[in-house]
Amino acid sequence: MNGSSFLIMGIVMIGMMFLTMRSQKKQQQARLDMINSMKPGDKVVTIGGLYGVVDSIDTEVNTVTLDIDGIYLTFERAAIRTVVAAGTPVVTPEDLSPADPVEPVVSESMIEE
């Protein structure tokens, strides 16, 4: 391999590293925005899979207290995986209408004589 091949390979590797770091930074910022926008009454899911409603948030010690069916548990704010805003409707399978039946398409080339 000559020097130009190493140069091109190096540029490609640096470009891939840059794009990966940029993507990770965007994901980290989106998660931070989600956690900072959390407020009492929001439904959340913890990283352990517990579903609950935010009762209170203590920004000084960076904790959140969740109401899980009458049981109040305190977690670090970083332990929240997903936040569903209080006014967001939850869709259940019963709310969905069944799909229209699909009839099979038969073309003339499929018909054997």
PDB file of N, CA and C in Angstrom:
ATOM      1  N   MET A   1       0.849  -1.176   0.000  1.00  0.00           N
ATOM      2  CA  MET A   1       0.000   0.000   0.000  1.00  0.00           C
ATOM      3  C   MET A   1       0.894   1.238   0.000  1.00  0.00           C
ATOM      4  N   ASN A   2       0.462   2.206  -0.718  1.00  0.00           N
ATOM      5  CA  ASN A   2       1.241   3.436  -0.743  1.00  0.00           C
ATOM      6  C   ASN A   2       0.678   4.435   0.261  1.00  0.00           C
ATOM      7  N   GLY A   3       1.306   5.563   0.359  1.00  0.00           N
ATOM      8  CA  GLY A   3       0.940   6.572   1.350  1.00  0.00           C
ATOM      9  C   GLY A   3      -0.447   7.140   1.172  1.00  0.00           C
ATOM     10  N   SER A   4      -0.920   7.255  -0.065  1.00  0.00           N
ATOM     11  CA  SER A   4      -2.251   7.833  -0.284  1.00  0.00           C
ATOM     12  C   SER A   4      -3.349   6.910   0.234  1.00  0.00           C
ATOM     13  N   SER A   5      -3.131   5.591   0.179  1.00  0.00           N
ATOM     14  CA  SER A   5      -4.124   4.648   0.709  1.00  0.00           C
ATOM     15  C   SER A   5      -4.256   4.805   2.217  1.00  0.00           C
ATOM     16  N   PHE A   6      -3.119   4.956   2.894  1.00  0.00           N
ATOM     17  CA  PHE A   6      -3.160   5.158   4.341  1.00  0.00           C
ATOM     18  C   PHE A   6      -3.832   6.480   4.688  1.00  0.00           C
ATOM     19  N   LEU A   7      -3.584   7.482   3.889  1.00  0.00           N
ATOM     20  CA  LEU A   7      -4.191   8.791   4.120  1.00  0.00           C
ATOM     21  C   LEU A   7      -5.707   8.717   3.970  1.00  0.00           C
ATOM     22  N   ILE A   8      -6.173   8.072   2.919  1.00  0.00           N
ATOM     23  CA  ILE A   8      -7.622   7.938   2.693  1.00  0.00           C
ATOM     24  C   ILE A   8      -8.252   7.121   3.812  1.00  0.00           C
ATOM     25  N   MET A   9      -7.601   6.007   4.201  1.00  0.00           N
ATOM     26  CA  MET A   9      -8.135   5.177   5.274  1.00  0.00           C
ATOM     27  C   MET A   9      -8.188   5.970   6.581  1.00  0.00           C
ATOM     28  N   GLY A  10      -7.177   6.771   6.849  1.00  0.00           N
ATOM     29  CA  GLY A  10      -7.163   7.598   8.059  1.00  0.00           C
ATOM     30  C   GLY A  10      -8.276   8.627   8.055  1.00  0.00           C
ATOM     31  N   ILE A  11      -8.508   9.264   6.914  1.00  0.00           N
ATOM     32  CA  ILE A  11      -9.584  10.257   6.813  1.00  0.00           C
ATOM     33  C   ILE A  11     -10.942   9.602   7.028  1.00  0.00           C
ATOM     34  N   VAL A  12     -11.136   8.414   6.447  1.00  0.00           N
ATOM     35  CA  VAL A  12     -12.407   7.695   6.622  1.00  0.00           C
ATOM     36  C   VAL A  12     -12.611   7.334   8.091  1.00  0.00           C
ATOM     37  N   MET A  13     -11.568   6.857   8.758  1.00  0.00           N
ATOM     38  CA  MET A  13     -11.689   6.483  10.170  1.00  0.00           C
ATOM     39  C   MET A  13     -12.002   7.695  11.039  1.00  0.00           C
ATOM     40  N   ILE A  14     -11.345   8.810  10.777  1.00  0.00           N
ATOM     41  CA  ILE A  14     -11.614  10.031  11.543  1.00  0.00           C
ATOM     42  C   ILE A  14     -13.045  10.501  11.302  1.00  0.00           C
ATOM     43  N   GLY A  15     -13.511  10.406  10.065  1.00  0.00           N
ATOM     44  CA  GLY A  15     -14.896  10.782   9.752  1.00  0.00           C
ATOM     45  C   GLY A  15     -15.899   9.910  10.481  1.00  0.00           C
ATOM     46  N   MET A  16     -15.647   8.597  10.529  1.00  0.00           N
ATOM     47  CA  MET A  16     -16.552   7.686  11.234  1.00  0.00           C
ATOM     48  C   MET A  16     -16.569   7.988  12.726  1.00  0.00           C
ATOM     49  N   MET A  17     -15.399   8.265  13.298  1.00  0.00           N
ATOM     50  CA  MET A  17     -15.341   8.602  14.721  1.00  0.00           C
ATOM     51  C   MET A  17     -16.117   9.883  15.005  1.00  0.00           C
ATOM     52  N   PHE A  18     -15.976  10.872  14.142  1.00  0.00           N
ATOM     53  CA  PHE A  18     -16.681  12.139  14.312  1.00  0.00           C
ATOM     54  C   PHE A  18     -18.192  11.931  14.265  1.00  0.00           C
ATOM     55  N   LEU A  19     -18.671  11.166  13.277  1.00  0.00           N
ATOM     56  CA  LEU A  19     -20.110  10.932  13.152  1.00  0.00           C
ATOM     57  C   LEU A  19     -20.653  10.141  14.339  1.00  0.00           C
ATOM     58  N   THR A  20     -19.895   9.173  14.824  1.00  0.00           N
ATOM     59  CA  THR A  20     -20.322   8.385  15.978  1.00  0.00           C
ATOM     60  C   THR A  20     -20.409   9.252  17.226  1.00  0.00           C
ATOM     61  N   MET A  21     -19.401  10.072  17.454  1.00  0.00           N
ATOM     62  CA  MET A  21     -19.410  10.947  18.630  1.00  0.00           C
ATOM     63  C   MET A  21     -20.546  11.954  18.549  1.00  0.00           C
ATOM     64  N   ARG A  22     -20.805  12.460  17.371  1.00  0.00           N
ATOM     65  CA  ARG A  22     -21.882  13.439  17.190  1.00  0.00           C
ATOM     66  C   ARG A  22     -23.241  12.803  17.479  1.00  0.00           C
ATOM     67  N   SER A  23     -23.441  11.575  16.995  1.00  0.00           N
ATOM     68  CA  SER A  23     -24.697  10.869  17.234  1.00  0.00           C
ATOM     69  C   SER A  23     -24.895  10.595  18.724  1.00  0.00           C
ATOM     70  N   GLN A  24     -23.843  10.160  19.396  1.00  0.00           N
ATOM     71  CA  GLN A  24     -23.938   9.888  20.826  1.00  0.00           C
ATOM     72  C   GLN A  24     -24.246  11.156  21.609  1.00  0.00           C
ATOM     73  N   LYS A  25     -23.656  12.265  21.205  1.00  0.00           N
ATOM     74  CA  LYS A  25     -23.900  13.531  21.893  1.00  0.00           C
ATOM     75  C   LYS A  25     -25.354  13.967  21.718  1.00  0.00           C
ATOM     76  N   LYS A  26     -25.919  13.769  20.521  1.00  0.00           N
ATOM     77  CA  LYS A  26     -27.324  14.112  20.286  1.00  0.00           C
ATOM     78  C   LYS A  26     -28.242  13.248  21.145  1.00  0.00           C
ATOM     79  N   GLN A  27     -27.948  11.944  21.223  1.00  0.00           N
ATOM     80  CA  GLN A  27     -28.762  11.051  22.041  1.00  0.00           C
ATOM     81  C   GLN A  27     -28.675  11.434  23.514  1.00  0.00           C
ATOM     82  N   GLN A  28     -27.488  11.772  23.966  1.00  0.00           N
ATOM     83  CA  GLN A  28     -27.299  12.168  25.360  1.00  0.00           C
ATOM     84  C   GLN A  28     -28.058  13.457  25.661  1.00  0.00           C
ATOM     85  N   GLN A  29     -28.027  14.414  24.739  1.00  0.00           N
ATOM     86  CA  GLN A  29     -28.737  15.679  24.931  1.00  0.00           C
ATOM     87  C   GLN A  29     -30.245  15.452  24.939  1.00  0.00           C
ATOM     88  N   ALA A  30     -30.751  14.575  24.061  1.00  0.00           N
ATOM     89  CA  ALA A  30     -32.184  14.283  24.028  1.00  0.00           C
ATOM     90  C   ALA A  30     -32.629  13.640  25.342  1.00  0.00           C
ATOM     91  N   ARG A  31     -31.825  12.732  25.883  1.00  0.00           N
ATOM     92  CA  ARG A  31     -32.159  12.094  27.163  1.00  0.00           C
ATOM     93  C   ARG A  31     -32.142  13.111  28.298  1.00  0.00           C
ATOM     94  N   LEU A  32     -31.160  13.997  28.306  1.00  0.00           N
ATOM     95  CA  LEU A  32     -31.077  15.033  29.330  1.00  0.00           C
ATOM     96  C   LEU A  32     -32.279  15.970  29.253  1.00  0.00           C
ATOM     97  N   ASP A  33     -32.690  16.337  28.042  1.00  0.00           N
ATOM     98  CA  ASP A  33     -33.873  17.185  27.872  1.00  0.00           C
ATOM     99  C   ASP A  33     -35.127  16.481  28.381  1.00  0.00           C
ATOM    100  N   MET A  34     -35.242  15.161  28.111  1.00  0.00           N
ATOM    101  CA  MET A  34     -36.395  14.393  28.568  1.00  0.00           C
ATOM    102  C   MET A  34     -36.453  14.392  30.096  1.00  0.00           C
ATOM    103  N   ILE A  35     -35.324  14.150  30.740  1.00  0.00           N
ATOM    104  CA  ILE A  35     -35.289  14.095  32.204  1.00  0.00           C
ATOM    105  C   ILE A  35     -35.557  15.470  32.804  1.00  0.00           C
ATOM    106  N   ASN A  36     -35.017  16.522  32.198  1.00  0.00           N
ATOM    107  CA  ASN A  36     -35.229  17.873  32.724  1.00  0.00           C
ATOM    108  C   ASN A  36     -36.652  18.366  32.507  1.00  0.00           C
ATOM    109  N   SER A  37     -37.360  17.846  31.508  1.00  0.00           N
ATOM    110  CA  SER A  37     -38.732  18.287  31.248  1.00  0.00           C
ATOM    111  C   SER A  37     -39.751  17.513  32.084  1.00  0.00           C
ATOM    112  N   MET A  38     -39.297  16.539  32.855  1.00  0.00           N
ATOM    113  CA  MET A  38     -40.184  15.740  33.685  1.00  0.00           C
ATOM    114  C   MET A  38     -40.803  16.610  34.773  1.00  0.00           C
ATOM    115  N   LYS A  39     -42.106  16.406  35.028  1.00  0.00           N
ATOM    116  CA  LYS A  39     -42.794  17.189  36.052  1.00  0.00           C
ATOM    117  C   LYS A  39     -43.783  16.296  36.792  1.00  0.00           C
ATOM    118  N   PRO A  40     -44.236  16.704  37.978  1.00  0.00           N
ATOM    119  CA  PRO A  40     -45.205  15.895  38.718  1.00  0.00           C
ATOM    120  C   PRO A  40     -46.453  15.618  37.881  1.00  0.00           C
ATOM    121  N   GLY A  41     -46.900  14.373  37.940  1.00  0.00           N
ATOM    122  CA  GLY A  41     -48.067  13.947  37.173  1.00  0.00           C
ATOM    123  C   GLY A  41     -47.704  13.184  35.914  1.00  0.00           C
ATOM    124  N   ASP A  42     -46.456  13.272  35.476  1.00  0.00           N
ATOM    125  CA  ASP A  42     -46.022  12.536  34.287  1.00  0.00           C
ATOM    126  C   ASP A  42     -45.902  11.052  34.613  1.00  0.00           C
ATOM    127  N   LYS A  43     -46.268  10.228  33.652  1.00  0.00           N
ATOM    128  CA  LYS A  43     -46.084   8.788  33.792  1.00  0.00           C
ATOM    129  C   LYS A  43     -44.692   8.452  33.292  1.00  0.00           C
ATOM    130  N   VAL A  44     -43.989   7.592  34.039  1.00  0.00           N
ATOM    131  CA  VAL A  44     -42.618   7.248  33.691  1.00  0.00           C
ATOM    132  C   VAL A  44     -42.395   5.747  33.801  1.00  0.00           C
ATOM    133  N   VAL A  45     -41.311   5.300  33.171  1.00  0.00           N
ATOM    134  CA  VAL A  45     -40.843   3.922  33.290  1.00  0.00           C
ATOM    135  C   VAL A  45     -39.384   4.005  33.717  1.00  0.00           C
ATOM    136  N   THR A  46     -39.020   3.251  34.750  1.00  0.00           N
ATOM    137  CA  THR A  46     -37.638   3.264  35.221  1.00  0.00           C
ATOM    138  C   THR A  46     -36.803   2.277  34.409  1.00  0.00           C
ATOM    139  N   ILE A  47     -35.485   2.342  34.586  1.00  0.00           N
ATOM    140  CA  ILE A  47     -34.612   1.415  33.877  1.00  0.00           C
ATOM    141  C   ILE A  47     -34.815  -0.018  34.360  1.00  0.00           C
ATOM    142  N   GLY A  48     -35.424  -0.178  35.533  1.00  0.00           N
ATOM    143  CA  GLY A  48     -35.734  -1.504  36.052  1.00  0.00           C
ATOM    144  C   GLY A  48     -37.073  -2.035  35.581  1.00  0.00           C
ATOM    145  N   GLY A  49     -37.824  -1.209  34.835  1.00  0.00           N
ATOM    146  CA  GLY A  49     -39.104  -1.647  34.293  1.00  0.00           C
ATOM    147  C   GLY A  49     -40.305  -1.302  35.154  1.00  0.00           C
ATOM    148  N   LEU A  50     -40.137  -0.513  36.215  1.00  0.00           N
ATOM    149  CA  LEU A  50     -41.263  -0.115  37.055  1.00  0.00           C
ATOM    150  C   LEU A  50     -42.011   1.046  36.413  1.00  0.00           C
ATOM    151  N   TYR A  51     -43.331   0.957  36.381  1.00  0.00           N
ATOM    152  CA  TYR A  51     -44.182   2.019  35.858  1.00  0.00           C
ATOM    153  C   TYR A  51     -44.727   2.806  37.036  1.00  0.00           C
ATOM    154  N   GLY A  52     -44.699   4.128  36.937  1.00  0.00           N
ATOM    155  CA  GLY A  52     -45.213   4.947  38.016  1.00  0.00           C
ATOM    156  C   GLY A  52     -45.531   6.347  37.555  1.00  0.00           C
ATOM    157  N   VAL A  53     -46.027   7.150  38.501  1.00  0.00           N
ATOM    158  CA  VAL A  53     -46.376   8.543  38.245  1.00  0.00           C
ATOM    159  C   VAL A  53     -45.473   9.410  39.116  1.00  0.00           C
ATOM    160  N   VAL A  54     -44.904  10.456  38.520  1.00  0.00           N
ATOM    161  CA  VAL A  54     -44.005  11.344  39.254  1.00  0.00           C
ATOM    162  C   VAL A  54     -44.808  12.081  40.321  1.00  0.00           C
ATOM    163  N   ASP A  55     -44.383  11.944  41.586  1.00  0.00           N
ATOM    164  CA  ASP A  55     -45.033  12.643  42.687  1.00  0.00           C
ATOM    165  C   ASP A  55     -44.293  13.938  42.997  1.00  0.00           C
ATOM    166  N   SER A  56     -42.963  13.860  43.102  1.00  0.00           N
ATOM    167  CA  SER A  56     -42.166  15.062  43.374  1.00  0.00           C
ATOM    168  C   SER A  56     -40.770  14.886  42.801  1.00  0.00           C
ATOM    169  N   ILE A  57     -40.123  16.034  42.565  1.00  0.00           N
ATOM    170  CA  ILE A  57     -38.766  16.041  42.023  1.00  0.00           C
ATOM    171  C   ILE A  57     -37.912  16.932  42.919  1.00  0.00           C
ATOM    172  N   ASP A  58     -36.770  16.423  43.353  1.00  0.00           N
ATOM    173  CA  ASP A  58     -35.831  17.200  44.160  1.00  0.00           C
ATOM    174  C   ASP A  58     -34.584  17.444  43.314  1.00  0.00           C
ATOM    175  N   THR A  59     -34.464  18.655  42.780  1.00  0.00           N
ATOM    176  CA  THR A  59     -33.341  18.969  41.895  1.00  0.00           C
ATOM    177  C   THR A  59     -32.030  19.150  42.656  1.00  0.00           C
ATOM    178  N   GLU A  60     -32.097  19.432  43.960  1.00  0.00           N
ATOM    179  CA  GLU A  60     -30.866  19.619  44.738  1.00  0.00           C
ATOM    180  C   GLU A  60     -30.097  18.316  44.898  1.00  0.00           C
ATOM    181  N   VAL A  61     -30.809  17.233  45.184  1.00  0.00           N
ATOM    182  CA  VAL A  61     -30.149  15.933  45.344  1.00  0.00           C
ATOM    183  C   VAL A  61     -30.351  15.052  44.114  1.00  0.00           C
ATOM    184  N   ASN A  62     -31.016  15.591  43.089  1.00  0.00           N
ATOM    185  CA  ASN A  62     -31.197  14.926  41.802  1.00  0.00           C
ATOM    186  C   ASN A  62     -31.975  13.615  41.929  1.00  0.00           C
ATOM    187  N   THR A  63     -33.105  13.666  42.666  1.00  0.00           N
ATOM    188  CA  THR A  63     -33.942  12.483  42.829  1.00  0.00           C
ATOM    189  C   THR A  63     -35.370  12.785  42.398  1.00  0.00           C
ATOM    190  N   VAL A  64     -36.121  11.726  42.168  1.00  0.00           N
ATOM    191  CA  VAL A  64     -37.531  11.826  41.819  1.00  0.00           C
ATOM    192  C   VAL A  64     -38.279  10.787  42.655  1.00  0.00           C
ATOM    193  N   THR A  65     -39.435  11.179  43.199  1.00  0.00           N
ATOM    194  CA  THR A  65     -40.262  10.262  43.967  1.00  0.00           C
ATOM    195  C   THR A  65     -41.430   9.844  43.093  1.00  0.00           C
ATOM    196  N   LEU A  66     -41.603   8.523  42.951  1.00  0.00           N
ATOM    197  CA  LEU A  66     -42.659   7.980  42.108  1.00  0.00           C
ATOM    198  C   LEU A  66     -43.755   7.368  42.958  1.00  0.00           C
ATOM    199  N   ASP A  67     -44.990   7.553  42.511  1.00  0.00           N
ATOM    200  CA  ASP A  67     -46.153   6.905  43.114  1.00  0.00           C
ATOM    201  C   ASP A  67     -46.449   5.681  42.262  1.00  0.00           C
ATOM    202  N   ILE A  68     -46.205   4.502  42.838  1.00  0.00           N
ATOM    203  CA  ILE A  68     -46.444   3.255  42.124  1.00  0.00           C
ATOM    204  C   ILE A  68     -47.562   2.529  42.858  1.00  0.00           C
ATOM    205  N   ASP A  69     -48.796   2.781  42.421  1.00  0.00           N
ATOM    206  CA  ASP A  69     -49.995   2.188  43.031  1.00  0.00           C
ATOM    207  C   ASP A  69     -50.032   2.403  44.541  1.00  0.00           C
ATOM    208  N   GLY A  70     -49.783   3.632  44.982  1.00  0.00           N
ATOM    209  CA  GLY A  70     -49.863   3.969  46.397  1.00  0.00           C
ATOM    210  C   GLY A  70     -48.571   3.765  47.167  1.00  0.00           C
ATOM    211  N   ILE A  71     -47.569   3.205  46.540  1.00  0.00           N
ATOM    212  CA  ILE A  71     -46.270   3.018  47.177  1.00  0.00           C
ATOM    213  C   ILE A  71     -45.335   4.075  46.616  1.00  0.00           C
ATOM    214  N   TYR A  72     -44.710   4.845  47.495  1.00  0.00           N
ATOM    215  CA  TYR A  72     -43.837   5.931  47.063  1.00  0.00           C
ATOM    216  C   TYR A  72     -42.381   5.477  47.137  1.00  0.00           C
ATOM    217  N   LEU A  73     -41.712   5.511  45.997  1.00  0.00           N
ATOM    218  CA  LEU A  73     -40.314   5.108  45.904  1.00  0.00           C
ATOM    219  C   LEU A  73     -39.487   6.268  45.371  1.00  0.00           C
ATOM    220  N   THR A  74     -38.272   6.406  45.880  1.00  0.00           N
ATOM    221  CA  THR A  74     -37.379   7.480  45.443  1.00  0.00           C
ATOM    222  C   THR A  74     -36.271   6.885  44.582  1.00  0.00           C
ATOM    223  N   PHE A  75     -36.067   7.504  43.420  1.00  0.00           N
ATOM    224  CA  PHE A  75     -35.038   7.077  42.475  1.00  0.00           C
ATOM    225  C   PHE A  75     -34.174   8.265  42.101  1.00  0.00           C
ATOM    226  N   GLU A  76     -32.986   7.984  41.594  1.00  0.00           N
ATOM    227  CA  GLU A  76     -32.198   9.031  40.965  1.00  0.00           C
ATOM    228  C   GLU A  76     -32.881   9.382  39.652  1.00  0.00           C
ATOM    229  N   ARG A  77     -32.775  10.632  39.250  1.00  0.00           N
ATOM    230  CA  ARG A  77     -33.419  11.048  37.998  1.00  0.00           C
ATOM    231  C   ARG A  77     -32.851  10.291  36.807  1.00  0.00           C
ATOM    232  N   ALA A  78     -31.596   9.891  36.871  1.00  0.00           N
ATOM    233  CA  ALA A  78     -30.977   9.147  35.773  1.00  0.00           C
ATOM    234  C   ALA A  78     -31.560   7.743  35.626  1.00  0.00           C
ATOM    235  N   ALA A  79     -32.311   7.267  36.634  1.00  0.00           N
ATOM    236  CA  ALA A  79     -32.904   5.935  36.570  1.00  0.00           C
ATOM    237  C   ALA A  79     -34.207   5.918  35.785  1.00  0.00           C
ATOM    238  N   ILE A  80     -34.623   7.052  35.243  1.00  0.00           N
ATOM    239  CA  ILE A  80     -35.850   7.121  34.452  1.00  0.00           C
ATOM    240  C   ILE A  80     -35.500   6.834  32.997  1.00  0.00           C
ATOM    241  N   ARG A  81     -36.151   5.824  32.419  1.00  0.00           N
ATOM    242  CA  ARG A  81     -35.892   5.458  31.026  1.00  0.00           C
ATOM    243  C   ARG A  81     -36.785   6.225  30.070  1.00  0.00           C
ATOM    244  N   THR A  82     -38.094   6.308  30.392  1.00  0.00           N
ATOM    245  CA  THR A  82     -39.064   6.913  29.488  1.00  0.00           C
ATOM    246  C   THR A  82     -40.003   7.809  30.267  1.00  0.00           C
ATOM    247  N   VAL A  83     -40.356   8.958  29.683  1.00  0.00           N
ATOM    248  CA  VAL A  83     -41.326   9.876  30.275  1.00  0.00           C
ATOM    249  C   VAL A  83     -42.482  10.024  29.303  1.00  0.00           C
ATOM    250  N   VAL A  84     -43.708   9.813  29.811  1.00  0.00           N
ATOM    251  CA  VAL A  84     -44.917  10.044  29.025  1.00  0.00           C
ATOM    252  C   VAL A  84     -45.621  11.214  29.682  1.00  0.00           C
ATOM    253  N   ALA A  85     -45.777  12.317  28.969  1.00  0.00           N
ATOM    254  CA  ALA A  85     -46.390  13.520  29.537  1.00  0.00           C
ATOM    255  C   ALA A  85     -47.783  13.208  30.069  1.00  0.00           C
ATOM    256  N   ALA A  86     -48.217  13.978  31.071  1.00  0.00           N
ATOM    257  CA  ALA A  86     -49.489  13.724  31.745  1.00  0.00           C
ATOM    258  C   ALA A  86     -50.676  13.787  30.796  1.00  0.00           C
ATOM    259  N   GLY A  87     -50.664  14.659  29.806  1.00  0.00           N
ATOM    260  CA  GLY A  87     -51.803  14.808  28.909  1.00  0.00           C
ATOM    261  C   GLY A  87     -51.779  13.901  27.699  1.00  0.00           C
ATOM    262  N   THR A  88     -50.755  13.071  27.559  1.00  0.00           N
ATOM    263  CA  THR A  88     -50.643  12.202  26.393  1.00  0.00           C
ATOM    264  C   THR A  88     -51.581  11.017  26.543  1.00  0.00           C
ATOM    265  N   PRO A  89     -52.467  10.793  25.564  1.00  0.00           N
ATOM    266  CA  PRO A  89     -53.373   9.654  25.667  1.00  0.00           C
ATOM    267  C   PRO A  89     -52.622   8.341  25.470  1.00  0.00           C
ATOM    268  N   VAL A  90     -53.042   7.334  26.208  1.00  0.00           N
ATOM    269  CA  VAL A  90     -52.446   6.013  26.088  1.00  0.00           C
ATOM    270  C   VAL A  90     -53.378   5.158  25.245  1.00  0.00           C
ATOM    271  N   VAL A  91     -52.861   4.546  24.208  1.00  0.00           N
ATOM    272  CA  VAL A  91     -53.665   3.720  23.314  1.00  0.00           C
ATOM    273  C   VAL A  91     -53.551   2.274  23.762  1.00  0.00           C
ATOM    274  N   THR A  92     -54.707   1.643  23.966  1.00  0.00           N
ATOM    275  CA  THR A  92     -54.740   0.238  24.340  1.00  0.00           C
ATOM    276  C   THR A  92     -55.158  -0.590  23.133  1.00  0.00           C
ATOM    277  N   PRO A  93     -54.899  -1.883  23.143  1.00  0.00           N
ATOM    278  CA  PRO A  93     -55.296  -2.712  21.998  1.00  0.00           C
ATOM    279  C   PRO A  93     -56.805  -2.678  21.732  1.00  0.00           C
ATOM    280  N   GLU A  94     -57.611  -2.462  22.775  1.00  0.00           N
ATOM    281  CA  GLU A  94     -59.061  -2.410  22.589  1.00  0.00           C
ATOM    282  C   GLU A  94     -59.477  -1.171  21.800  1.00  0.00           C
ATOM    283  N   ASP A  95     -58.668  -0.105  21.862  1.00  0.00           N
ATOM    284  CA  ASP A  95     -58.986   1.129  21.146  1.00  0.00           C
ATOM    285  C   ASP A  95     -58.777   1.004  19.644  1.00  0.00           C
ATOM    286  N   LEU A  96     -57.966   0.064  19.245  1.00  0.00           N
ATOM    287  CA  LEU A  96     -57.643  -0.076  17.833  1.00  0.00           C
ATOM    288  C   LEU A  96     -58.742  -0.844  17.110  1.00  0.00           C
ATOM    289  N   SER A  97     -59.085  -0.383  15.925  1.00  0.00           N
ATOM    290  CA  SER A  97     -60.088  -1.101  15.137  1.00  0.00           C
ATOM    291  C   SER A  97     -59.385  -2.205  14.357  1.00  0.00           C
ATOM    292  N   PRO A  98     -60.090  -3.315  14.133  1.00  0.00           N
ATOM    293  CA  PRO A  98     -59.449  -4.393  13.377  1.00  0.00           C
ATOM    294  C   PRO A  98     -59.203  -3.955  11.935  1.00  0.00           C
ATOM    295  N   ALA A  99     -58.138  -4.445  11.377  1.00  0.00           N
ATOM    296  CA  ALA A  99     -57.795  -4.097   9.999  1.00  0.00           C
ATOM    297  C   ALA A  99     -58.772  -4.769   9.042  1.00  0.00           C
ATOM    298  N   ASP A 100     -59.015  -4.110   7.922  1.00  0.00           N
ATOM    299  CA  ASP A 100     -59.870  -4.704   6.898  1.00  0.00           C
ATOM    300  C   ASP A 100     -59.174  -5.938   6.340  1.00  0.00           C
ATOM    301  N   PRO A 101     -59.953  -6.997   6.075  1.00  0.00           N
ATOM    302  CA  PRO A 101     -59.323  -8.195   5.519  1.00  0.00           C
ATOM    303  C   PRO A 101     -58.751  -7.895   4.135  1.00  0.00           C
ATOM    304  N   VAL A 102     -57.630  -8.477   3.866  1.00  0.00           N
ATOM    305  CA  VAL A 102     -56.964  -8.268   2.585  1.00  0.00           C
ATOM    306  C   VAL A 102     -57.247  -9.462   1.692  1.00  0.00           C
ATOM    307  N   GLU A 103     -57.734  -9.166   0.496  1.00  0.00           N
ATOM    308  CA  GLU A 103     -58.004 -10.242  -0.452  1.00  0.00           C
ATOM    309  C   GLU A 103     -56.744 -10.513  -1.254  1.00  0.00           C
ATOM    310  N   PRO A 104     -56.449 -11.788  -1.506  1.00  0.00           N
ATOM    311  CA  PRO A 104     -55.248 -12.094  -2.271  1.00  0.00           C
ATOM    312  C   PRO A 104     -55.381 -11.610  -3.714  1.00  0.00           C
ATOM    313  N   VAL A 105     -54.283 -11.154  -4.251  1.00  0.00           N
ATOM    314  CA  VAL A 105     -54.260 -10.680  -5.629  1.00  0.00           C
ATOM    315  C   VAL A 105     -53.792 -11.822  -6.513  1.00  0.00           C
ATOM    316  N   VAL A 106     -54.588 -12.117  -7.521  1.00  0.00           N
ATOM    317  CA  VAL A 106     -54.238 -13.186  -8.450  1.00  0.00           C
ATOM    318  C   VAL A 106     -54.055 -12.553  -9.818  1.00  0.00           C
ATOM    319  N   SER A 107     -52.870 -12.693 -10.357  1.00  0.00           N
ATOM    320  CA  SER A 107     -52.631 -12.153 -11.691  1.00  0.00           C
ATOM    321  C   SER A 107     -52.767 -13.274 -12.715  1.00  0.00           C
ATOM    322  N   GLU A 108     -52.891 -12.875 -13.955  1.00  0.00           N
ATOM    323  CA  GLU A 108     -53.075 -13.872 -15.011  1.00  0.00           C
ATOM    324  C   GLU A 108     -51.852 -14.766 -15.149  1.00  0.00           C
ATOM    325  N   SER A 109     -50.697 -14.252 -14.832  1.00  0.00           N
ATOM    326  CA  SER A 109     -49.486 -15.072 -14.953  1.00  0.00           C
ATOM    327  C   SER A 109     -49.440 -16.162 -13.885  1.00  0.00           C
ATOM    328  N   MET A 110     -50.212 -15.986 -12.810  1.00  0.00           N
ATOM    329  CA  MET A 110     -50.229 -16.982 -11.750  1.00  0.00           C
ATOM    330  C   MET A 110     -51.212 -18.108 -12.046  1.00  0.00           C
ATOM    331  N   ILE A 111     -52.139 -17.858 -12.950  1.00  0.00           N
ATOM    332  CA  ILE A 111     -53.149 -18.866 -13.273  1.00  0.00           C
ATOM    333  C   ILE A 111     -52.540 -19.860 -14.255  1.00  0.00           C
ATOM    334  N   GLU A 112     -52.597 -21.123 -13.887  1.00  0.00           N
ATOM    335  CA  GLU A 112     -52.064 -22.156 -14.772  1.00  0.00           C
ATOM    336  C   GLU A 112     -53.186 -22.689 -15.641  1.00  0.00           C
ATOM    337  N   GLU A 113     -52.865 -22.934 -16.861  1.00  0.00           N
ATOM    338  CA  GLU A 113     -53.880 -23.472 -17.777  1.00  0.00           C
ATOM    339  C   GLU A 113     -53.677 -24.931 -17.985  1.00  0.00           C
TER     340      GLU A 113
END
